[in-house]
Amino acid sequence: MRDHRKLVAWQKARKLALSVYTVTAGFPNDEKFGLTSQMRRCSVSIGSNIVEGAARFSQADFLRFLDIAFGSLRELGFQAELAKDLGFLSKQDADELLSLVDETSRLLHGLMASLRHKK
């Protein structure tokens, strides 16, 4: 079993989830069950899938969960762009969030590539 807390990709995913919760707190109330909820669930899914994959014994299972986390991460990027376009996020908040999405994507992609290379 791997210690997920030592994975830089998980550390960044955790920071990203905290940022999503912070910026979505200012979304309109009528988005409570829409984009606010979707972005929060996506952000939690990223870190959660890294944790679940790290707890698996096979490398194939770990990679499968990292792939799911990566999909949620890219989905969150789209949602952040949409929130900016709808005026729910300021340009500065959107840029900061998208920067975290990109950085987390690079780290997660690198981790997956490293694990695939070890096969």
Protein backbone atom coordinates (compact mmCIF):
# COMPACT_ATOMS: atom_id res chain seq x y z
CA MET A 1 0.00 0.00 0.00
CA ARG A 2 1.28 3.44 -0.95
CA ASP A 3 1.08 6.49 1.32
CA HIS A 4 -1.02 8.88 -0.75
CA ARG A 5 0.05 11.83 1.42
CA LYS A 6 3.56 11.57 -0.04
CA LEU A 7 2.29 11.94 -3.61
CA VAL A 8 2.75 15.50 -4.85
CA ALA A 9 -0.20 14.98 -7.23
CA TRP A 10 -2.45 14.25 -4.24
CA GLN A 11 -1.12 17.26 -2.33
CA LYS A 12 -1.95 19.49 -5.31
CA ALA A 13 -5.36 17.85 -5.73
CA ARG A 14 -6.11 18.60 -2.08
CA LYS A 15 -5.14 22.24 -2.55
CA LEU A 16 -7.28 22.37 -5.68
CA ALA A 17 -10.34 20.99 -3.84
CA LEU A 18 -9.92 23.57 -1.08
CA SER A 19 -9.69 26.33 -3.69
CA VAL A 20 -12.82 25.09 -5.45
CA TYR A 21 -14.77 25.16 -2.20
CA THR A 22 -13.56 28.70 -1.54
CA VAL A 23 -14.38 30.16 -4.97
CA THR A 24 -17.73 28.38 -5.36
CA ALA A 25 -18.95 29.81 -2.05
CA GLY A 26 -19.60 33.03 -3.95
CA PHE A 27 -21.64 31.42 -6.75
CA PRO A 28 -25.32 32.37 -7.06
CA ASN A 29 -27.71 30.51 -4.77
CA ASP A 30 -29.62 29.08 -7.73
CA GLU A 31 -26.41 27.25 -8.71
CA LYS A 32 -26.24 25.44 -5.36
CA PHE A 33 -27.41 22.19 -6.97
CA GLY A 34 -25.89 22.96 -10.36
CA LEU A 35 -22.40 24.13 -11.15
CA THR A 36 -21.43 24.69 -7.50
CA SER A 37 -22.24 21.09 -6.60
CA GLN A 38 -20.71 19.67 -9.78
CA MET A 39 -17.41 21.50 -9.36
CA ARG A 40 -17.16 20.50 -5.72
CA ARG A 41 -17.91 16.85 -6.47
CA CYS A 42 -15.34 16.83 -9.27
CA SER A 43 -12.67 18.37 -7.09
CA VAL A 44 -13.30 15.87 -4.30
CA SER A 45 -13.31 13.01 -6.81
CA ILE A 46 -9.79 13.83 -7.97
CA GLY A 47 -8.13 13.44 -4.58
CA SER A 48 -10.44 10.60 -3.55
CA ASN A 49 -9.52 8.52 -6.59
CA ILE A 50 -5.82 9.08 -6.01
CA VAL A 51 -6.27 7.89 -2.41
CA GLU A 52 -8.35 4.88 -3.41
CA GLY A 53 -5.90 3.90 -6.13
CA ALA A 54 -2.94 4.23 -3.80
CA ALA A 55 -4.64 1.83 -1.40
CA ARG A 56 -4.91 -0.87 -4.07
CA PHE A 57 -2.32 -3.59 -4.22
CA SER A 58 -1.92 -3.86 -7.98
CA GLN A 59 -0.30 -1.25 -10.14
CA ALA A 60 -3.01 -1.77 -12.77
CA ASP A 61 -5.70 -0.84 -10.24
CA PHE A 62 -3.71 2.19 -9.12
CA LEU A 63 -3.44 3.36 -12.75
CA ARG A 64 -7.15 2.81 -13.33
CA PHE A 65 -8.03 5.10 -10.41
CA LEU A 66 -5.48 7.68 -11.54
CA ASP A 67 -7.12 7.65 -14.98
CA ILE A 68 -10.48 8.35 -13.34
CA ALA A 69 -8.93 11.17 -11.29
CA PHE A 70 -7.42 12.63 -14.47
CA GLY A 71 -10.82 12.60 -16.18
CA SER A 72 -12.40 14.42 -13.24
CA LEU A 73 -9.57 16.93 -13.31
CA ARG A 74 -10.10 17.76 -16.98
CA GLU A 75 -13.85 17.98 -16.36
CA LEU A 76 -13.20 20.48 -13.58
CA GLY A 77 -11.12 22.57 -15.98
CA PHE A 78 -14.10 22.85 -18.32
CA GLN A 79 -16.41 23.75 -15.46
CA ALA A 80 -14.05 26.50 -14.30
CA GLU A 81 -13.98 27.95 -17.82
CA LEU A 82 -17.77 27.80 -17.94
CA ALA A 83 -18.09 29.47 -14.54
CA LYS A 84 -15.83 32.27 -15.79
CA ASP A 85 -17.86 32.65 -18.98
CA LEU A 86 -21.08 32.83 -16.94
CA GLY A 87 -19.60 35.53 -14.71
CA PHE A 88 -19.55 33.36 -11.58
CA LEU A 89 -15.75 33.52 -11.35
CA SER A 90 -13.60 36.61 -11.71
CA LYS A 91 -10.80 36.42 -14.26
CA GLN A 92 -8.28 36.29 -11.42
CA ASP A 93 -10.07 33.45 -9.58
CA ALA A 94 -10.55 31.54 -12.83
CA ASP A 95 -6.90 31.98 -13.80
CA GLU A 96 -5.72 30.78 -10.38
CA LEU A 97 -8.04 27.79 -10.47
CA LEU A 98 -7.09 26.87 -14.03
CA SER A 99 -3.42 27.20 -13.14
CA LEU A 100 -3.93 24.70 -10.31
CA VAL A 101 -5.82 22.41 -12.69
CA ASP A 102 -2.96 22.56 -15.19
CA GLU A 103 -0.29 21.99 -12.56
CA THR A 104 -2.21 19.07 -11.06
CA SER A 105 -2.73 17.65 -14.56
CA ARG A 106 0.99 17.70 -15.28
CA LEU A 107 1.80 16.02 -11.97
CA LEU A 108 -0.87 13.37 -12.36
CA HIS A 109 0.09 12.72 -15.98
CA GLY A 110 3.72 12.35 -14.95
CA LEU A 111 2.81 9.91 -12.20
CA MET A 112 0.75 7.83 -14.61
CA ALA A 113 3.52 7.85 -17.22
CA SER A 114 6.03 6.77 -14.61
CA LEU A 115 3.84 3.87 -13.50
CA ARG A 116 3.15 2.78 -17.08
CA HIS A 117 6.89 2.85 -17.80
CA LYS A 118 7.54 0.53 -14.82
CA LYS A 119 5.18 -2.15 -16.20
